[in-house]
Amino acid sequence: MIKSKLLKYEVINTKKDKKLIGEVFDFKKLKVKSSDDVDNTSSKKQKSTKDLLVEFMGEQRRFNKSVMQRFDEQAKFNKSIRQDFNRVVKLNNLKH
């Protein structure tokens, strides 16, 4: 493994320099941090595939539960419509 150091700087002062194009910056070194990987520029840990899968399955379970609740509500509504229809047919002596 290659060890690298990540450096952070803070800009202390900026000045316009007439001889150079742009600005002159004064920096202050803030922190030195060692890293095991050169490409690792973020200090956040990435979730493992297993953790991502468990999280996705939990979200999917909640979604499926909400969809099933909506189906149950629709079934109750349809049942009440059917009962109302049968009541109207019976009251009016109609054949269905």
PDB file of N, CA and C in Angstrom:
ATOM      1  N   MET A   1       0.821  -1.185   0.000  1.00  0.00           N
ATOM      2  CA  MET A   1       0.000   0.000   0.000  1.00  0.00           C
ATOM      3  C   MET A   1       0.863   1.246   0.000  1.00  0.00           C
ATOM      4  N   ILE A   2       0.371   2.252  -0.645  1.00  0.00           N
ATOM      5  CA  ILE A   2       1.087   3.512  -0.720  1.00  0.00           C
ATOM      6  C   ILE A   2       0.472   4.464   0.298  1.00  0.00           C
ATOM      7  N   LYS A   3       1.315   5.049   1.113  1.00  0.00           N
ATOM      8  CA  LYS A   3       0.831   6.040   2.082  1.00  0.00           C
ATOM      9  C   LYS A   3       1.019   7.423   1.469  1.00  0.00           C
ATOM     10  N   SER A   4       0.010   8.223   1.609  1.00  0.00           N
ATOM     11  CA  SER A   4       0.110   9.592   1.117  1.00  0.00           C
ATOM     12  C   SER A   4      -0.380  10.528   2.213  1.00  0.00           C
ATOM     13  N   LYS A   5      -0.013  11.771   2.083  1.00  0.00           N
ATOM     14  CA  LYS A   5      -0.449  12.770   3.048  1.00  0.00           C
ATOM     15  C   LYS A   5      -1.390  13.734   2.362  1.00  0.00           C
ATOM     16  N   LEU A   6      -2.499  14.011   3.029  1.00  0.00           N
ATOM     17  CA  LEU A   6      -3.440  14.996   2.521  1.00  0.00           C
ATOM     18  C   LEU A   6      -3.204  16.287   3.285  1.00  0.00           C
ATOM     19  N   LEU A   7      -3.010  17.360   2.555  1.00  0.00           N
ATOM     20  CA  LEU A   7      -2.729  18.649   3.170  1.00  0.00           C
ATOM     21  C   LEU A   7      -3.899  19.589   2.938  1.00  0.00           C
ATOM     22  N   LYS A   8      -4.182  20.401   3.949  1.00  0.00           N
ATOM     23  CA  LYS A   8      -5.211  21.420   3.808  1.00  0.00           C
ATOM     24  C   LYS A   8      -4.577  22.771   4.091  1.00  0.00           C
ATOM     25  N   TYR A   9      -4.972  23.757   3.306  1.00  0.00           N
ATOM     26  CA  TYR A   9      -4.438  25.105   3.449  1.00  0.00           C
ATOM     27  C   TYR A   9      -5.574  26.095   3.631  1.00  0.00           C
ATOM     28  N   GLU A  10      -5.290  27.160   4.327  1.00  0.00           N
ATOM     29  CA  GLU A  10      -6.236  28.251   4.509  1.00  0.00           C
ATOM     30  C   GLU A  10      -5.628  29.497   3.878  1.00  0.00           C
ATOM     31  N   VAL A  11      -6.442  30.236   3.141  1.00  0.00           N
ATOM     32  CA  VAL A  11      -5.969  31.472   2.530  1.00  0.00           C
ATOM     33  C   VAL A  11      -6.003  32.563   3.588  1.00  0.00           C
ATOM     34  N   ILE A  12      -4.843  33.149   3.853  1.00  0.00           N
ATOM     35  CA  ILE A  12      -4.742  34.185   4.878  1.00  0.00           C
ATOM     36  C   ILE A  12      -4.921  35.569   4.256  1.00  0.00           C
ATOM     37  N   ASN A  13      -4.249  35.804   3.159  1.00  0.00           N
ATOM     38  CA  ASN A  13      -4.239  37.148   2.591  1.00  0.00           C
ATOM     39  C   ASN A  13      -4.183  37.043   1.076  1.00  0.00           C
ATOM     40  N   THR A  14      -4.895  37.938   0.409  1.00  0.00           N
ATOM     41  CA  THR A  14      -4.792  38.028  -1.047  1.00  0.00           C
ATOM     42  C   THR A  14      -4.413  39.455  -1.404  1.00  0.00           C
ATOM     43  N   LYS A  15      -3.522  39.591  -2.376  1.00  0.00           N
ATOM     44  CA  LYS A  15      -3.079  40.911  -2.813  1.00  0.00           C
ATOM     45  C   LYS A  15      -3.065  40.940  -4.330  1.00  0.00           C
ATOM     46  N   LYS A  16      -3.394  42.093  -4.862  1.00  0.00           N
ATOM     47  CA  LYS A  16      -3.255  42.295  -6.301  1.00  0.00           C
ATOM     48  C   LYS A  16      -1.807  42.670  -6.581  1.00  0.00           C
ATOM     49  N   ASP A  17      -1.217  41.984  -7.527  1.00  0.00           N
ATOM     50  CA  ASP A  17       0.160  42.281  -7.912  1.00  0.00           C
ATOM     51  C   ASP A  17       0.128  42.818  -9.331  1.00  0.00           C
ATOM     52  N   LYS A  18       0.658  44.026  -9.528  1.00  0.00           N
ATOM     53  CA  LYS A  18       0.595  44.658 -10.842  1.00  0.00           C
ATOM     54  C   LYS A  18       1.543  43.999 -11.838  1.00  0.00           C
ATOM     55  N   LYS A  19       2.613  43.383 -11.369  1.00  0.00           N
ATOM     56  CA  LYS A  19       3.568  42.745 -12.267  1.00  0.00           C
ATOM     57  C   LYS A  19       3.043  41.402 -12.770  1.00  0.00           C
ATOM     58  N   LEU A  20       2.304  40.693 -11.913  1.00  0.00           N
ATOM     59  CA  LEU A  20       1.779  39.387 -12.292  1.00  0.00           C
ATOM     60  C   LEU A  20       0.302  39.512 -12.649  1.00  0.00           C
ATOM     61  N   ILE A  21      -0.136  38.633 -13.473  1.00  0.00           N
ATOM     62  CA  ILE A  21      -1.555  38.597 -13.805  1.00  0.00           C
ATOM     63  C   ILE A  21      -2.248  37.778 -12.723  1.00  0.00           C
ATOM     64  N   GLY A  22      -3.312  38.322 -12.152  1.00  0.00           N
ATOM     65  CA  GLY A  22      -4.042  37.591 -11.126  1.00  0.00           C
ATOM     66  C   GLY A  22      -3.753  38.135  -9.751  1.00  0.00           C
ATOM     67  N   GLU A  23      -3.819  37.252  -8.776  1.00  0.00           N
ATOM     68  CA  GLU A  23      -3.653  37.660  -7.394  1.00  0.00           C
ATOM     69  C   GLU A  23      -2.542  36.856  -6.746  1.00  0.00           C
ATOM     70  N   VAL A  24      -2.001  37.410  -5.655  1.00  0.00           N
ATOM     71  CA  VAL A  24      -0.995  36.719  -4.856  1.00  0.00           C
ATOM     72  C   VAL A  24      -1.686  36.269  -3.572  1.00  0.00           C
ATOM     73  N   PHE A  25      -1.513  35.011  -3.229  1.00  0.00           N
ATOM     74  CA  PHE A  25      -2.170  34.454  -2.057  1.00  0.00           C
ATOM     75  C   PHE A  25      -1.131  34.077  -1.010  1.00  0.00           C
ATOM     76  N   ASP A  26      -1.455  34.313   0.253  1.00  0.00           N
ATOM     77  CA  ASP A  26      -0.663  33.814   1.369  1.00  0.00           C
ATOM     78  C   ASP A  26      -1.442  32.668   1.993  1.00  0.00           C
ATOM     79  N   PHE A  27      -0.760  31.533   2.171  1.00  0.00           N
ATOM     80  CA  PHE A  27      -1.426  30.332   2.684  1.00  0.00           C
ATOM     81  C   PHE A  27      -0.907  29.977   4.061  1.00  0.00           C
ATOM     82  N   LYS A  28      -1.734  29.265   4.797  1.00  0.00           N
ATOM     83  CA  LYS A  28      -1.348  28.716   6.090  1.00  0.00           C
ATOM     84  C   LYS A  28      -1.726  27.238   6.073  1.00  0.00           C
ATOM     85  N   LYS A  29      -0.746  26.390   6.419  1.00  0.00           N
ATOM     86  CA  LYS A  29      -0.990  24.957   6.449  1.00  0.00           C
ATOM     87  C   LYS A  29      -1.830  24.633   7.679  1.00  0.00           C
ATOM     88  N   LEU A  30      -2.947  23.914   7.475  1.00  0.00           N
ATOM     89  CA  LEU A  30      -3.855  23.617   8.567  1.00  0.00           C
ATOM     90  C   LEU A  30      -3.629  22.245   9.180  1.00  0.00           C
ATOM     91  N   LYS A  31      -3.579  21.233   8.370  1.00  0.00           N
ATOM     92  CA  LYS A  31      -3.633  19.888   8.917  1.00  0.00           C
ATOM     93  C   LYS A  31      -2.921  18.914   7.989  1.00  0.00           C
ATOM     94  N   VAL A  32      -2.227  17.973   8.582  1.00  0.00           N
ATOM     95  CA  VAL A  32      -1.616  16.904   7.815  1.00  0.00           C
ATOM     96  C   VAL A  32      -2.328  15.629   8.206  1.00  0.00           C
ATOM     97  N   LYS A  33      -2.766  14.893   7.204  1.00  0.00           N
ATOM     98  CA  LYS A  33      -3.520  13.674   7.456  1.00  0.00           C
ATOM     99  C   LYS A  33      -2.936  12.571   6.588  1.00  0.00           C
ATOM    100  N   SER A  34      -2.657  11.425   7.194  1.00  0.00           N
ATOM    101  CA  SER A  34      -2.121  10.322   6.404  1.00  0.00           C
ATOM    102  C   SER A  34      -3.271   9.468   5.901  1.00  0.00           C
ATOM    103  N   SER A  35      -3.051   8.864   4.747  1.00  0.00           N
ATOM    104  CA  SER A  35      -4.077   8.035   4.119  1.00  0.00           C
ATOM    105  C   SER A  35      -3.420   6.769   3.593  1.00  0.00           C
ATOM    106  N   ASP A  36      -4.182   5.662   3.604  1.00  0.00           N
ATOM    107  CA  ASP A  36      -3.662   4.399   3.097  1.00  0.00           C
ATOM    108  C   ASP A  36      -3.791   4.288   1.592  1.00  0.00           C
ATOM    109  N   ASP A  37      -4.639   5.105   0.993  1.00  0.00           N
ATOM    110  CA  ASP A  37      -4.906   4.981  -0.427  1.00  0.00           C
ATOM    111  C   ASP A  37      -4.719   6.341  -1.088  1.00  0.00           C
ATOM    112  N   VAL A  38      -4.090   6.363  -2.234  1.00  0.00           N
ATOM    113  CA  VAL A  38      -3.836   7.611  -2.935  1.00  0.00           C
ATOM    114  C   VAL A  38      -5.145   8.212  -3.455  1.00  0.00           C
ATOM    115  N   ASP A  39      -6.048   7.375  -3.957  1.00  0.00           N
ATOM    116  CA  ASP A  39      -7.297   7.851  -4.544  1.00  0.00           C
ATOM    117  C   ASP A  39      -8.323   8.277  -3.503  1.00  0.00           C
ATOM    118  N   ASN A  40      -8.089   7.973  -2.255  1.00  0.00           N
ATOM    119  CA  ASN A  40      -9.057   8.274  -1.206  1.00  0.00           C
ATOM    120  C   ASN A  40      -8.946   9.740  -0.812  1.00  0.00           C
ATOM    121  N   THR A  41      -9.771  10.587  -1.424  1.00  0.00           N
ATOM    122  CA  THR A  41      -9.736  12.010  -1.121  1.00  0.00           C
ATOM    123  C   THR A  41     -10.817  12.398  -0.131  1.00  0.00           C
ATOM    124  N   SER A  42     -11.728  11.507   0.170  1.00  0.00           N
ATOM    125  CA  SER A  42     -12.822  11.788   1.089  1.00  0.00           C
ATOM    126  C   SER A  42     -12.600  11.043   2.390  1.00  0.00           C
ATOM    127  N   SER A  43     -12.922  11.703   3.497  1.00  0.00           N
ATOM    128  CA  SER A  43     -12.756  11.038   4.784  1.00  0.00           C
ATOM    129  C   SER A  43     -13.997  10.240   5.161  1.00  0.00           C
ATOM    130  N   LYS A  44     -15.057  10.321   4.349  1.00  0.00           N
ATOM    131  CA  LYS A  44     -16.271   9.568   4.631  1.00  0.00           C
ATOM    132  C   LYS A  44     -16.053   8.106   4.270  1.00  0.00           C
ATOM    133  N   LYS A  45     -16.624   7.232   5.105  1.00  0.00           N
ATOM    134  CA  LYS A  45     -16.543   5.806   4.798  1.00  0.00           C
ATOM    135  C   LYS A  45     -17.695   5.439   3.884  1.00  0.00           C
ATOM    136  N   GLN A  46     -17.397   4.638   2.888  1.00  0.00           N
ATOM    137  CA  GLN A  46     -18.453   4.163   2.007  1.00  0.00           C
ATOM    138  C   GLN A  46     -19.103   2.944   2.631  1.00  0.00           C
ATOM    139  N   LYS A  47     -20.394   2.809   2.388  1.00  0.00           N
ATOM    140  CA  LYS A  47     -21.126   1.662   2.912  1.00  0.00           C
ATOM    141  C   LYS A  47     -20.781   0.435   2.085  1.00  0.00           C
ATOM    142  N   SER A  48     -20.775  -0.701   2.752  1.00  0.00           N
ATOM    143  CA  SER A  48     -20.497  -1.941   2.040  1.00  0.00           C
ATOM    144  C   SER A  48     -21.715  -2.326   1.203  1.00  0.00           C
ATOM    145  N   THR A  49     -21.503  -3.226   0.278  1.00  0.00           N
ATOM    146  CA  THR A  49     -22.593  -3.699  -0.571  1.00  0.00           C
ATOM    147  C   THR A  49     -23.690  -4.325   0.272  1.00  0.00           C
ATOM    148  N   LYS A  50     -23.311  -5.061   1.288  1.00  0.00           N
ATOM    149  CA  LYS A  50     -24.295  -5.699   2.167  1.00  0.00           C
ATOM    150  C   LYS A  50     -25.142  -4.645   2.871  1.00  0.00           C
ATOM    151  N   ASP A  51     -24.505  -3.586   3.394  1.00  0.00           N
ATOM    152  CA  ASP A  51     -25.239  -2.520   4.068  1.00  0.00           C
ATOM    153  C   ASP A  51     -26.190  -1.811   3.109  1.00  0.00           C
ATOM    154  N   LEU A  52     -25.721  -1.553   1.880  1.00  0.00           N
ATOM    155  CA  LEU A  52     -26.572  -0.917   0.884  1.00  0.00           C
ATOM    156  C   LEU A  52     -27.768  -1.802   0.544  1.00  0.00           C
ATOM    157  N   LEU A  53     -27.527  -3.113   0.426  1.00  0.00           N
ATOM    158  CA  LEU A  53     -28.608  -4.050   0.109  1.00  0.00           C
ATOM    159  C   LEU A  53     -29.622  -4.100   1.245  1.00  0.00           C
ATOM    160  N   VAL A  54     -29.152  -4.140   2.485  1.00  0.00           N
ATOM    161  CA  VAL A  54     -30.057  -4.172   3.642  1.00  0.00           C
ATOM    162  C   VAL A  54     -30.886  -2.889   3.690  1.00  0.00           C
ATOM    163  N   GLU A  55     -30.247  -1.754   3.430  1.00  0.00           N
ATOM    164  CA  GLU A  55     -30.958  -0.479   3.422  1.00  0.00           C
ATOM    165  C   GLU A  55     -32.016  -0.450   2.316  1.00  0.00           C
ATOM    166  N   PHE A  56     -31.641  -0.918   1.126  1.00  0.00           N
ATOM    167  CA  PHE A  56     -32.581  -0.964   0.001  1.00  0.00           C
ATOM    168  C   PHE A  56     -33.753  -1.883   0.301  1.00  0.00           C
ATOM    169  N   MET A  57     -33.468  -3.041   0.889  1.00  0.00           N
ATOM    170  CA  MET A  57     -34.544  -3.981   1.204  1.00  0.00           C
ATOM    171  C   MET A  57     -35.508  -3.382   2.231  1.00  0.00           C
ATOM    172  N   GLY A  58     -34.998  -2.633   3.197  1.00  0.00           N
ATOM    173  CA  GLY A  58     -35.857  -1.964   4.171  1.00  0.00           C
ATOM    174  C   GLY A  58     -36.752  -0.932   3.510  1.00  0.00           C
ATOM    175  N   GLU A  59     -36.169  -0.141   2.602  1.00  0.00           N
ATOM    176  CA  GLU A  59     -36.958   0.853   1.876  1.00  0.00           C
ATOM    177  C   GLU A  59     -38.013   0.170   1.012  1.00  0.00           C
ATOM    178  N   GLN A  60     -37.629  -0.910   0.349  1.00  0.00           N
ATOM    179  CA  GLN A  60     -38.560  -1.636  -0.516  1.00  0.00           C
ATOM    180  C   GLN A  60     -39.688  -2.238   0.309  1.00  0.00           C
ATOM    181  N   ARG A  61     -39.377  -2.747   1.496  1.00  0.00           N
ATOM    182  CA  ARG A  61     -40.396  -3.328   2.378  1.00  0.00           C
ATOM    183  C   ARG A  61     -41.409  -2.263   2.795  1.00  0.00           C
ATOM    184  N   ARG A  62     -40.912  -1.075   3.163  1.00  0.00           N
ATOM    185  CA  ARG A  62     -41.817   0.017   3.547  1.00  0.00           C
ATOM    186  C   ARG A  62     -42.702   0.431   2.378  1.00  0.00           C
ATOM    187  N   PHE A  63     -42.124   0.513   1.178  1.00  0.00           N
ATOM    188  CA  PHE A  63     -42.891   0.881  -0.011  1.00  0.00           C
ATOM    189  C   PHE A  63     -43.960  -0.167  -0.300  1.00  0.00           C
ATOM    190  N   ASN A  64     -43.570  -1.449  -0.258  1.00  0.00           N
ATOM    191  CA  ASN A  64     -44.535  -2.517  -0.530  1.00  0.00           C
ATOM    192  C   ASN A  64     -45.668  -2.492   0.489  1.00  0.00           C
ATOM    193  N   LYS A  65     -45.344  -2.213   1.748  1.00  0.00           N
ATOM    194  CA  LYS A  65     -46.369  -2.150   2.787  1.00  0.00           C
ATOM    195  C   LYS A  65     -47.359  -1.025   2.500  1.00  0.00           C
ATOM    196  N   SER A  66     -46.844   0.139   2.088  1.00  0.00           N
ATOM    197  CA  SER A  66     -47.744   1.261   1.785  1.00  0.00           C
ATOM    198  C   SER A  66     -48.619   0.955   0.571  1.00  0.00           C
ATOM    199  N   VAL A  67     -48.066   0.273  -0.433  1.00  0.00           N
ATOM    200  CA  VAL A  67     -48.852  -0.098  -1.614  1.00  0.00           C
ATOM    201  C   VAL A  67     -49.946  -1.093  -1.226  1.00  0.00           C
ATOM    202  N   MET A  68     -49.605  -2.064  -0.395  1.00  0.00           N
ATOM    203  CA  MET A  68     -50.611  -3.045   0.035  1.00  0.00           C
ATOM    204  C   MET A  68     -51.709  -2.378   0.849  1.00  0.00           C
ATOM    205  N   GLN A  69     -51.378  -1.386   1.655  1.00  0.00           N
ATOM    206  CA  GLN A  69     -52.402  -0.651   2.402  1.00  0.00           C
ATOM    207  C   GLN A  69     -53.341   0.076   1.451  1.00  0.00           C
ATOM    208  N   ARG A  70     -52.791   0.655   0.379  1.00  0.00           N
ATOM    209  CA  ARG A  70     -53.633   1.330  -0.606  1.00  0.00           C
ATOM    210  C   ARG A  70     -54.528   0.335  -1.324  1.00  0.00           C
ATOM    211  N   PHE A  71     -54.008  -0.858  -1.633  1.00  0.00           N
ATOM    212  CA  PHE A  71     -54.841  -1.896  -2.261  1.00  0.00           C
ATOM    213  C   PHE A  71     -55.966  -2.319  -1.319  1.00  0.00           C
ATOM    214  N   ASP A  72     -55.667  -2.458  -0.040  1.00  0.00           N
ATOM    215  CA  ASP A  72     -56.690  -2.835   0.939  1.00  0.00           C
ATOM    216  C   ASP A  72     -57.773  -1.759   1.031  1.00  0.00           C
ATOM    217  N   GLU A  73     -57.365  -0.496   1.038  1.00  0.00           N
ATOM    218  CA  GLU A  73     -58.341   0.594   1.074  1.00  0.00           C
ATOM    219  C   GLU A  73     -59.217   0.578  -0.171  1.00  0.00           C
ATOM    220  N   GLN A  74     -58.614   0.322  -1.333  1.00  0.00           N
ATOM    221  CA  GLN A  74     -59.377   0.259  -2.585  1.00  0.00           C
ATOM    222  C   GLN A  74     -60.341  -0.916  -2.562  1.00  0.00           C
ATOM    223  N   ALA A  75     -59.924  -2.038  -2.022  1.00  0.00           N
ATOM    224  CA  ALA A  75     -60.800  -3.211  -1.934  1.00  0.00           C
ATOM    225  C   ALA A  75     -61.988  -2.924  -1.018  1.00  0.00           C
ATOM    226  N   LYS A  76     -61.754  -2.240   0.097  1.00  0.00           N
ATOM    227  CA  LYS A  76     -62.856  -1.865   0.999  1.00  0.00           C
ATOM    228  C   LYS A  76     -63.829  -0.923   0.300  1.00  0.00           C
ATOM    229  N   PHE A  77     -63.293   0.032  -0.442  1.00  0.00           N
ATOM    230  CA  PHE A  77     -64.140   0.964  -1.177  1.00  0.00           C
ATOM    231  C   PHE A  77     -64.990   0.222  -2.209  1.00  0.00           C
ATOM    232  N   ASN A  78     -64.354  -0.683  -2.964  1.00  0.00           N
ATOM    233  CA  ASN A  78     -65.090  -1.457  -3.967  1.00  0.00           C
ATOM    234  C   ASN A  78     -66.180  -2.306  -3.317  1.00  0.00           C
ATOM    235  N   LYS A  79     -65.884  -2.864  -2.160  1.00  0.00           N
ATOM    236  CA  LYS A  79     -66.864  -3.684  -1.448  1.00  0.00           C
ATOM    237  C   LYS A  79     -68.057  -2.833  -1.024  1.00  0.00           C
ATOM    238  N   SER A  80     -67.798  -1.621  -0.536  1.00  0.00           N
ATOM    239  CA  SER A  80     -68.902  -0.742  -0.123  1.00  0.00           C
ATOM    240  C   SER A  80     -69.734  -0.311  -1.327  1.00  0.00           C
ATOM    241  N   ILE A  81     -69.112  -0.057  -2.475  1.00  0.00           N
ATOM    242  CA  ILE A  81     -69.845   0.295  -3.699  1.00  0.00           C
ATOM    243  C   ILE A  81     -70.752  -0.869  -4.106  1.00  0.00           C
ATOM    244  N   ARG A  82     -70.192  -2.084  -4.049  1.00  0.00           N
ATOM    245  CA  ARG A  82     -70.978  -3.280  -4.413  1.00  0.00           C
ATOM    246  C   ARG A  82     -72.170  -3.439  -3.472  1.00  0.00           C
ATOM    247  N   GLN A  83     -71.972  -3.221  -2.172  1.00  0.00           N
ATOM    248  CA  GLN A  83     -73.072  -3.335  -1.211  1.00  0.00           C
ATOM    249  C   GLN A  83     -74.130  -2.268  -1.478  1.00  0.00           C
ATOM    250  N   ASP A  84     -73.696  -1.048  -1.782  1.00  0.00           N
ATOM    251  CA  ASP A  84     -74.652   0.016  -2.107  1.00  0.00           C
ATOM    252  C   ASP A  84     -75.449  -0.335  -3.361  1.00  0.00           C
ATOM    253  N   PHE A  85     -74.776  -0.860  -4.367  1.00  0.00           N
ATOM    254  CA  PHE A  85     -75.439  -1.256  -5.606  1.00  0.00           C
ATOM    255  C   PHE A  85     -76.480  -2.346  -5.326  1.00  0.00           C
ATOM    256  N   ASN A  86     -76.122  -3.347  -4.548  1.00  0.00           N
ATOM    257  CA  ASN A  86     -77.057  -4.426  -4.218  1.00  0.00           C
ATOM    258  C   ASN A  86     -78.249  -3.895  -3.433  1.00  0.00           C
ATOM    259  N   ARG A  87     -78.026  -2.947  -2.546  1.00  0.00           N
ATOM    260  CA  ARG A  87     -79.113  -2.357  -1.769  1.00  0.00           C
ATOM    261  C   ARG A  87     -80.087  -1.612  -2.675  1.00  0.00           C
ATOM    262  N   VAL A  88     -79.546  -0.851  -3.659  1.00  0.00           N
ATOM    263  CA  VAL A  88     -80.404  -0.119  -4.600  1.00  0.00           C
ATOM    264  C   VAL A  88     -81.216  -1.096  -5.434  1.00  0.00           C
ATOM    265  N   VAL A  89     -80.585  -2.177  -5.891  1.00  0.00           N
ATOM    266  CA  VAL A  89     -81.283  -3.174  -6.699  1.00  0.00           C
ATOM    267  C   VAL A  89     -82.409  -3.805  -5.883  1.00  0.00           C
ATOM    268  N   LYS A  90     -82.129  -4.127  -4.644  1.00  0.00           N
ATOM    269  CA  LYS A  90     -83.115  -4.798  -3.798  1.00  0.00           C
ATOM    270  C   LYS A  90     -84.282  -3.846  -3.484  1.00  0.00           C
ATOM    271  N   LEU A  91     -84.014  -2.588  -3.188  1.00  0.00           N
ATOM    272  CA  LEU A  91     -85.062  -1.632  -2.863  1.00  0.00           C
ATOM    273  C   LEU A  91     -86.003  -1.349  -4.051  1.00  0.00           C
ATOM    274  N   ASN A  92     -85.456  -1.356  -5.243  1.00  0.00           N
ATOM    275  CA  ASN A  92     -86.221  -1.035  -6.427  1.00  0.00           C
ATOM    276  C   ASN A  92     -86.761  -2.283  -7.135  1.00  0.00           C
ATOM    277  N   ASN A  93     -86.575  -3.442  -6.528  1.00  0.00           N
ATOM    278  CA  ASN A  93     -87.032  -4.711  -7.122  1.00  0.00           C
ATOM    279  C   ASN A  93     -86.512  -4.898  -8.537  1.00  0.00           C
ATOM    280  N   LEU A  94     -85.241  -4.622  -8.725  1.00  0.00           N
ATOM    281  CA  LEU A  94     -84.613  -4.773 -10.042  1.00  0.00           C
ATOM    282  C   LEU A  94     -83.898  -6.109 -10.107  1.00  0.00           C
ATOM    283  N   LYS A  95     -83.670  -6.548 -11.340  1.00  0.00           N
ATOM    284  CA  LYS A  95     -82.876  -7.752 -11.554  1.00  0.00           C
ATOM    285  C   LYS A  95     -81.496  -7.335 -12.019  1.00  0.00           C
ATOM    286  N   HIS A  96     -80.517  -7.994 -11.497  1.00  0.00           N
ATOM    287  CA  HIS A  96     -79.165  -7.685 -11.967  1.00  0.00           C
ATOM    288  C   HIS A  96     -78.494  -8.870 -12.551  1.00  0.00           C
TER     289      HIS A  96
END
